[in-house]
Amino acid sequence: MVEKSENGGFWPALYDPLRAFGSRVADWLSPASEASSGTDAYDIAMELPGVSEKDVELTVDEGVVTVRGEKKTSSEKKGDTWYFSERQYGAFSRSFRLPPDADGSKASAEMKDGVLHVKVPRRAPPEPKQNRVEIRKG
């Protein structure tokens, strides 16, 4: 439910777009990802260019897949009369809730060409059990 301030006037309306700015920036800076489902597994692909496998942590806990990591890059260039150095650091975390039929204990992951691929197999649907009930003579 969204509530609007009853103060009226110009100022509350001016600040409305900035209220959730922190979460919007976090969403904008988090790695691009896509999730899909197939007949036998759920797939998550996350773009992590420049991030090595050792800087990524993947966990599955109570039906939630969480990918955490840190990107660290630095470059240094020198010339006869100039010097240029640049560093970029940034941590990220992204979580995905799994459907009830996902088997998180059998999740697997692979990093290829800067893209992390996570595969979570589906559980086989439980077979309906039939119990034969003996009818007693009464």
N, C-alpha and C. Protein backbone atom coordinates (compact mmCIF):
# COMPACT_ATOMS: atom_id res chain seq x y z
N MET A 1 0.84 -1.17 0.00
CA MET A 1 0.00 0.00 0.00
C MET A 1 0.89 1.23 0.00
N VAL A 2 0.54 2.22 -0.78
CA VAL A 2 1.31 3.45 -0.87
C VAL A 2 0.52 4.56 -0.21
N GLU A 3 1.18 5.29 0.66
CA GLU A 3 0.52 6.42 1.30
C GLU A 3 1.19 7.69 0.86
N LYS A 4 0.41 8.72 0.68
CA LYS A 4 0.93 10.01 0.30
C LYS A 4 0.77 10.97 1.46
N SER A 5 1.76 11.79 1.66
CA SER A 5 1.72 12.76 2.74
C SER A 5 0.56 13.72 2.53
N GLU A 6 -0.08 14.06 3.62
CA GLU A 6 -1.21 14.98 3.55
C GLU A 6 -0.77 16.42 3.75
N ASN A 7 0.55 16.67 3.78
CA ASN A 7 1.04 18.03 4.00
C ASN A 7 0.63 18.96 2.87
N GLY A 8 0.48 18.41 1.69
CA GLY A 8 0.11 19.23 0.54
C GLY A 8 1.27 20.11 0.13
N GLY A 9 1.05 20.93 -0.82
CA GLY A 9 2.08 21.86 -1.24
C GLY A 9 3.05 21.26 -2.23
N PHE A 10 4.06 22.04 -2.57
CA PHE A 10 5.01 21.70 -3.61
C PHE A 10 6.11 20.74 -3.14
N TRP A 11 6.63 20.91 -1.91
CA TRP A 11 7.82 20.19 -1.48
C TRP A 11 7.65 18.68 -1.36
N PRO A 12 6.58 18.15 -0.78
CA PRO A 12 6.49 16.68 -0.72
C PRO A 12 6.50 16.02 -2.09
N ALA A 13 5.86 16.61 -3.07
CA ALA A 13 5.83 16.04 -4.42
C ALA A 13 7.22 16.09 -5.06
N LEU A 14 8.01 17.09 -4.74
CA LEU A 14 9.34 17.22 -5.30
C LEU A 14 10.25 16.08 -4.83
N TYR A 15 10.14 15.66 -3.56
CA TYR A 15 11.01 14.64 -3.01
C TYR A 15 10.53 13.21 -3.23
N ASP A 16 9.30 13.02 -3.69
CA ASP A 16 8.76 11.67 -3.90
C ASP A 16 9.65 10.80 -4.78
N PRO A 17 10.16 11.28 -5.92
CA PRO A 17 11.00 10.41 -6.76
C PRO A 17 12.33 10.01 -6.10
N LEU A 18 12.78 10.75 -5.09
CA LEU A 18 14.07 10.49 -4.47
C LEU A 18 13.99 9.58 -3.26
N ARG A 19 12.80 9.24 -2.80
CA ARG A 19 12.64 8.47 -1.56
C ARG A 19 13.30 7.10 -1.63
N ALA A 20 13.15 6.40 -2.74
CA ALA A 20 13.72 5.05 -2.86
C ALA A 20 14.98 5.06 -3.73
N PHE A 21 15.67 6.17 -3.75
CA PHE A 21 16.84 6.31 -4.61
C PHE A 21 17.92 5.28 -4.31
N GLY A 22 18.17 5.01 -3.03
CA GLY A 22 19.21 4.05 -2.65
C GLY A 22 18.94 2.67 -3.22
N SER A 23 17.72 2.18 -3.11
CA SER A 23 17.42 0.85 -3.64
C SER A 23 17.44 0.84 -5.16
N ARG A 24 17.05 1.94 -5.78
CA ARG A 24 17.11 2.00 -7.25
C ARG A 24 18.54 1.99 -7.76
N VAL A 25 19.43 2.68 -7.07
CA VAL A 25 20.84 2.68 -7.46
C VAL A 25 21.42 1.28 -7.28
N ALA A 26 21.08 0.60 -6.18
CA ALA A 26 21.57 -0.76 -5.95
C ALA A 26 21.09 -1.69 -7.05
N ASP A 27 19.84 -1.57 -7.46
CA ASP A 27 19.32 -2.40 -8.56
C ASP A 27 20.05 -2.10 -9.86
N TRP A 28 20.35 -0.84 -10.09
CA TRP A 28 21.01 -0.44 -11.33
C TRP A 28 22.45 -0.96 -11.38
N LEU A 29 23.12 -1.00 -10.23
CA LEU A 29 24.52 -1.44 -10.19
C LEU A 29 24.68 -2.94 -10.03
N SER A 30 23.61 -3.66 -9.69
CA SER A 30 23.74 -5.11 -9.54
C SER A 30 23.90 -5.76 -10.91
N PRO A 31 24.56 -6.91 -10.95
CA PRO A 31 24.83 -7.55 -12.24
C PRO A 31 23.54 -7.93 -12.98
N ALA A 32 23.58 -7.78 -14.28
CA ALA A 32 22.44 -8.18 -15.11
C ALA A 32 22.28 -9.69 -15.03
N SER A 33 21.05 -10.14 -14.92
CA SER A 33 20.81 -11.58 -14.81
C SER A 33 19.48 -11.94 -15.43
N GLU A 34 19.34 -13.22 -15.70
CA GLU A 34 18.06 -13.72 -16.19
C GLU A 34 17.84 -15.11 -15.61
N ALA A 35 16.60 -15.41 -15.32
CA ALA A 35 16.24 -16.71 -14.78
C ALA A 35 15.19 -17.34 -15.68
N SER A 36 15.33 -18.64 -15.90
CA SER A 36 14.38 -19.35 -16.75
C SER A 36 14.18 -20.74 -16.20
N SER A 37 13.15 -21.41 -16.70
CA SER A 37 12.91 -22.78 -16.26
C SER A 37 12.73 -23.67 -17.48
N GLY A 38 13.26 -24.86 -17.36
CA GLY A 38 13.10 -25.88 -18.38
C GLY A 38 12.30 -27.03 -17.80
N THR A 39 12.20 -28.10 -18.55
CA THR A 39 11.42 -29.23 -18.06
C THR A 39 12.12 -29.98 -16.93
N ASP A 40 13.47 -29.92 -16.89
CA ASP A 40 14.18 -30.67 -15.86
C ASP A 40 14.96 -29.81 -14.87
N ALA A 41 15.08 -28.49 -15.12
CA ALA A 41 15.88 -27.65 -14.21
C ALA A 41 15.51 -26.18 -14.36
N TYR A 42 15.93 -25.42 -13.35
CA TYR A 42 15.84 -23.96 -13.38
C TYR A 42 17.24 -23.44 -13.68
N ASP A 43 17.33 -22.41 -14.52
CA ASP A 43 18.62 -21.85 -14.91
C ASP A 43 18.68 -20.37 -14.56
N ILE A 44 19.82 -19.96 -14.02
CA ILE A 44 20.09 -18.55 -13.74
C ILE A 44 21.39 -18.20 -14.43
N ALA A 45 21.37 -17.14 -15.21
CA ALA A 45 22.59 -16.64 -15.86
C ALA A 45 22.84 -15.22 -15.36
N MET A 46 24.07 -14.95 -14.93
CA MET A 46 24.41 -13.64 -14.40
C MET A 46 25.70 -13.14 -15.05
N GLU A 47 25.65 -11.94 -15.58
CA GLU A 47 26.82 -11.35 -16.24
C GLU A 47 27.79 -10.82 -15.18
N LEU A 48 29.00 -11.37 -15.18
CA LEU A 48 30.04 -10.95 -14.23
C LEU A 48 31.36 -10.72 -14.95
N PRO A 49 31.40 -9.80 -15.91
CA PRO A 49 32.65 -9.58 -16.64
C PRO A 49 33.75 -9.04 -15.72
N GLY A 50 34.93 -9.62 -15.86
CA GLY A 50 36.06 -9.17 -15.06
C GLY A 50 36.10 -9.72 -13.65
N VAL A 51 35.16 -10.58 -13.29
CA VAL A 51 35.13 -11.17 -11.95
C VAL A 51 35.61 -12.60 -12.06
N SER A 52 36.55 -12.99 -11.21
CA SER A 52 37.05 -14.37 -11.27
C SER A 52 36.19 -15.27 -10.38
N GLU A 53 36.27 -16.57 -10.64
CA GLU A 53 35.47 -17.55 -9.90
C GLU A 53 35.77 -17.50 -8.40
N LYS A 54 37.02 -17.22 -8.04
CA LYS A 54 37.40 -17.21 -6.63
C LYS A 54 36.81 -16.01 -5.88
N ASP A 55 36.34 -15.01 -6.61
CA ASP A 55 35.74 -13.83 -5.98
C ASP A 55 34.22 -13.91 -5.92
N VAL A 56 33.65 -15.07 -6.25
CA VAL A 56 32.20 -15.25 -6.25
C VAL A 56 31.83 -16.33 -5.25
N GLU A 57 30.81 -16.07 -4.44
CA GLU A 57 30.29 -17.05 -3.49
C GLU A 57 28.84 -17.35 -3.86
N LEU A 58 28.53 -18.62 -4.01
CA LEU A 58 27.19 -19.06 -4.37
C LEU A 58 26.65 -19.94 -3.25
N THR A 59 25.50 -19.58 -2.70
CA THR A 59 24.89 -20.38 -1.64
C THR A 59 23.43 -20.66 -1.97
N VAL A 60 22.94 -21.78 -1.47
CA VAL A 60 21.51 -22.10 -1.55
C VAL A 60 21.07 -22.39 -0.13
N ASP A 61 20.13 -21.60 0.38
CA ASP A 61 19.69 -21.74 1.75
C ASP A 61 18.18 -21.56 1.82
N GLU A 62 17.49 -22.59 2.25
CA GLU A 62 16.05 -22.56 2.44
C GLU A 62 15.31 -22.02 1.21
N GLY A 63 15.68 -22.54 0.05
CA GLY A 63 14.98 -22.19 -1.18
C GLY A 63 15.38 -20.87 -1.80
N VAL A 64 16.50 -20.30 -1.38
CA VAL A 64 16.97 -19.03 -1.94
C VAL A 64 18.40 -19.20 -2.43
N VAL A 65 18.62 -18.91 -3.71
CA VAL A 65 19.96 -18.92 -4.29
C VAL A 65 20.52 -17.50 -4.13
N THR A 66 21.69 -17.38 -3.53
CA THR A 66 22.32 -16.07 -3.35
C THR A 66 23.71 -16.09 -3.98
N VAL A 67 23.97 -15.10 -4.80
CA VAL A 67 25.28 -14.93 -5.43
C VAL A 67 25.88 -13.64 -4.87
N ARG A 68 27.05 -13.78 -4.23
CA ARG A 68 27.77 -12.62 -3.69
C ARG A 68 29.15 -12.59 -4.30
N GLY A 69 29.68 -11.41 -4.44
CA GLY A 69 31.03 -11.32 -4.97
C GLY A 69 31.57 -9.92 -4.91
N GLU A 70 32.77 -9.80 -5.44
CA GLU A 70 33.42 -8.51 -5.46
C GLU A 70 34.24 -8.39 -6.74
N LYS A 71 34.08 -7.25 -7.38
CA LYS A 71 34.83 -6.98 -8.59
C LYS A 71 36.00 -6.06 -8.23
N LYS A 72 37.20 -6.48 -8.64
CA LYS A 72 38.40 -5.71 -8.36
C LYS A 72 39.18 -5.58 -9.66
N THR A 73 39.31 -4.39 -10.15
CA THR A 73 40.13 -4.18 -11.34
C THR A 73 41.03 -2.97 -11.12
N SER A 74 42.17 -3.02 -11.72
CA SER A 74 43.07 -1.87 -11.68
C SER A 74 43.90 -1.86 -12.95
N SER A 75 44.21 -0.66 -13.39
CA SER A 75 45.06 -0.53 -14.57
C SER A 75 46.04 0.61 -14.32
N GLU A 76 47.21 0.45 -14.89
CA GLU A 76 48.26 1.44 -14.71
C GLU A 76 48.98 1.62 -16.04
N LYS A 77 49.09 2.85 -16.48
CA LYS A 77 49.78 3.16 -17.74
C LYS A 77 50.79 4.27 -17.50
N LYS A 78 51.96 4.10 -18.10
CA LYS A 78 53.02 5.09 -17.93
C LYS A 78 53.55 5.51 -19.29
N GLY A 79 53.91 6.73 -19.36
CA GLY A 79 54.57 7.25 -20.55
C GLY A 79 55.80 8.03 -20.13
N ASP A 80 56.45 8.68 -21.07
CA ASP A 80 57.64 9.44 -20.74
C ASP A 80 57.34 10.59 -19.79
N THR A 81 56.22 11.25 -20.03
CA THR A 81 55.90 12.43 -19.22
C THR A 81 54.55 12.32 -18.52
N TRP A 82 53.95 11.15 -18.52
CA TRP A 82 52.62 11.01 -17.90
C TRP A 82 52.47 9.67 -17.20
N TYR A 83 51.52 9.63 -16.28
CA TYR A 83 51.22 8.42 -15.52
C TYR A 83 49.71 8.38 -15.29
N PHE A 84 49.09 7.22 -15.55
CA PHE A 84 47.64 7.07 -15.37
C PHE A 84 47.37 5.79 -14.59
N SER A 85 46.59 5.91 -13.54
CA SER A 85 46.23 4.75 -12.72
C SER A 85 44.74 4.81 -12.42
N GLU A 86 44.07 3.66 -12.56
CA GLU A 86 42.63 3.61 -12.30
C GLU A 86 42.30 2.31 -11.57
N ARG A 87 41.46 2.42 -10.56
CA ARG A 87 41.04 1.24 -9.79
C ARG A 87 39.52 1.26 -9.66
N GLN A 88 38.93 0.07 -9.74
CA GLN A 88 37.49 -0.06 -9.53
C GLN A 88 37.25 -1.23 -8.58
N TYR A 89 36.47 -0.99 -7.56
CA TYR A 89 36.10 -2.03 -6.61
C TYR A 89 34.61 -1.94 -6.38
N GLY A 90 33.98 -3.07 -6.22
CA GLY A 90 32.56 -3.06 -5.94
C GLY A 90 32.06 -4.42 -5.53
N ALA A 91 31.28 -4.46 -4.47
CA ALA A 91 30.68 -5.71 -4.01
C ALA A 91 29.26 -5.78 -4.55
N PHE A 92 28.78 -7.00 -4.75
CA PHE A 92 27.42 -7.19 -5.22
C PHE A 92 26.82 -8.39 -4.53
N SER A 93 25.51 -8.42 -4.49
CA SER A 93 24.77 -9.55 -3.95
C SER A 93 23.43 -9.60 -4.66
N ARG A 94 23.05 -10.78 -5.07
CA ARG A 94 21.78 -10.96 -5.78
C ARG A 94 21.15 -12.26 -5.31
N SER A 95 19.86 -12.26 -5.01
CA SER A 95 19.17 -13.45 -4.51
C SER A 95 17.98 -13.79 -5.38
N PHE A 96 17.71 -15.09 -5.49
CA PHE A 96 16.60 -15.61 -6.28
C PHE A 96 15.86 -16.65 -5.45
N ARG A 97 14.55 -16.49 -5.29
CA ARG A 97 13.75 -17.48 -4.57
C ARG A 97 13.39 -18.61 -5.52
N LEU A 98 13.65 -19.84 -5.08
CA LEU A 98 13.38 -21.01 -5.91
C LEU A 98 11.94 -21.50 -5.69
N PRO A 99 11.34 -22.07 -6.73
CA PRO A 99 10.01 -22.67 -6.57
C PRO A 99 10.10 -23.91 -5.67
N PRO A 100 8.97 -24.37 -5.15
CA PRO A 100 8.99 -25.52 -4.23
C PRO A 100 9.54 -26.81 -4.83
N ASP A 101 9.44 -26.98 -6.16
CA ASP A 101 9.92 -28.23 -6.75
C ASP A 101 11.40 -28.22 -7.11
N ALA A 102 12.13 -27.14 -6.77
CA ALA A 102 13.57 -27.07 -7.04
C ALA A 102 14.35 -27.82 -5.97
N ASP A 103 15.39 -28.53 -6.38
CA ASP A 103 16.23 -29.28 -5.46
C ASP A 103 17.55 -28.53 -5.28
N GLY A 104 17.57 -27.59 -4.34
CA GLY A 104 18.74 -26.75 -4.11
C GLY A 104 19.97 -27.51 -3.69
N SER A 105 19.82 -28.71 -3.11
CA SER A 105 20.97 -29.49 -2.67
C SER A 105 21.77 -30.04 -3.85
N LYS A 106 21.19 -30.02 -5.04
CA LYS A 106 21.88 -30.53 -6.23
C LYS A 106 22.22 -29.42 -7.22
N ALA A 107 22.28 -28.18 -6.75
CA ALA A 107 22.61 -27.05 -7.61
C ALA A 107 24.05 -27.16 -8.10
N SER A 108 24.28 -26.68 -9.32
CA SER A 108 25.64 -26.65 -9.88
C SER A 108 25.85 -25.30 -10.56
N ALA A 109 27.11 -24.93 -10.72
CA ALA A 109 27.42 -23.63 -11.32
C ALA A 109 28.67 -23.74 -12.18
N GLU A 110 28.72 -22.88 -13.20
CA GLU A 110 29.85 -22.83 -14.11
C GLU A 110 30.04 -21.39 -14.56
N MET A 111 31.29 -20.95 -14.60
CA MET A 111 31.62 -19.61 -15.08
C MET A 111 32.27 -19.75 -16.45
N LYS A 112 31.70 -19.08 -17.45
CA LYS A 112 32.26 -19.16 -18.80
C LYS A 112 32.11 -17.82 -19.49
N ASP A 113 33.21 -17.28 -19.98
CA ASP A 113 33.24 -16.02 -20.72
C ASP A 113 32.57 -14.88 -19.96
N GLY A 114 32.81 -14.80 -18.64
CA GLY A 114 32.26 -13.71 -17.84
C GLY A 114 30.79 -13.86 -17.48
N VAL A 115 30.22 -15.04 -17.72
CA VAL A 115 28.81 -15.28 -17.37
C VAL A 115 28.75 -16.48 -16.42
N LEU A 116 28.12 -16.28 -15.27
CA LEU A 116 27.91 -17.35 -14.31
C LEU A 116 26.60 -18.05 -14.65
N HIS A 117 26.67 -19.37 -14.83
CA HIS A 117 25.47 -20.18 -15.12
C HIS A 117 25.20 -21.07 -13.91
N VAL A 118 24.03 -20.92 -13.31
CA VAL A 118 23.63 -21.74 -12.17
C VAL A 118 22.46 -22.61 -12.63
N LYS A 119 22.56 -23.90 -12.33
CA LYS A 119 21.51 -24.84 -12.71
C LYS A 119 21.01 -25.53 -11.45
N VAL A 120 19.70 -25.48 -11.24
CA VAL A 120 19.08 -26.12 -10.09
C VAL A 120 18.05 -27.11 -10.62
N PRO A 121 18.30 -28.42 -10.45
CA PRO A 121 17.36 -29.40 -11.00
C PRO A 121 16.00 -29.39 -10.28
N ARG A 122 15.00 -29.82 -11.01
CA ARG A 122 13.66 -29.97 -10.42
C ARG A 122 13.57 -31.34 -9.75
N ARG A 123 12.81 -31.41 -8.68
CA ARG A 123 12.52 -32.69 -8.05
C ARG A 123 11.45 -33.39 -8.87
N ALA A 124 11.53 -34.70 -8.90
CA ALA A 124 10.49 -35.47 -9.57
C ALA A 124 9.20 -35.33 -8.76
N PRO A 125 8.08 -35.16 -9.43
CA PRO A 125 6.84 -35.04 -8.67
C PRO A 125 6.55 -36.33 -7.90
N PRO A 126 6.06 -36.20 -6.71
CA PRO A 126 5.79 -37.41 -5.94
C PRO A 126 4.68 -38.23 -6.60
N GLU A 127 4.91 -39.52 -6.62
CA GLU A 127 3.91 -40.40 -7.21
C GLU A 127 2.79 -40.61 -6.20
N PRO A 128 1.56 -40.53 -6.66
CA PRO A 128 0.47 -40.74 -5.71
C PRO A 128 0.49 -42.17 -5.19
N LYS A 129 0.36 -42.29 -3.90
CA LYS A 129 0.37 -43.62 -3.29
C LYS A 129 -1.06 -44.10 -3.13
N GLN A 130 -1.24 -45.34 -3.45
CA GLN A 130 -2.55 -45.95 -3.22
C GLN A 130 -2.39 -46.95 -2.09
N ASN A 131 -3.22 -46.81 -1.12
CA ASN A 131 -3.23 -47.75 -0.01
C ASN A 131 -4.48 -48.61 -0.13
N ARG A 132 -4.26 -49.87 -0.16
CA ARG A 132 -5.40 -50.79 -0.22
C ARG A 132 -5.93 -50.94 1.20
N VAL A 133 -7.20 -50.70 1.33
CA VAL A 133 -7.85 -50.80 2.64
C VAL A 133 -8.65 -52.09 2.67
N GLU A 134 -8.34 -52.89 3.64
CA GLU A 134 -9.05 -54.16 3.75
C GLU A 134 -10.41 -53.92 4.36
N ILE A 135 -11.39 -54.56 3.78
CA ILE A 135 -12.75 -54.42 4.27
C ILE A 135 -13.06 -55.63 5.14
N ARG A 136 -13.41 -55.32 6.35
CA ARG A 136 -13.73 -56.40 7.28
C ARG A 136 -15.22 -56.74 7.20
N LYS A 137 -15.49 -57.96 7.47
CA LYS A 137 -16.88 -58.42 7.48
C LYS A 137 -17.48 -58.03 8.82
N GLY A 138 -18.60 -57.40 8.77
CA GLY A 138 -19.19 -56.90 9.98
C GLY A 138 -20.36 -57.56 10.49
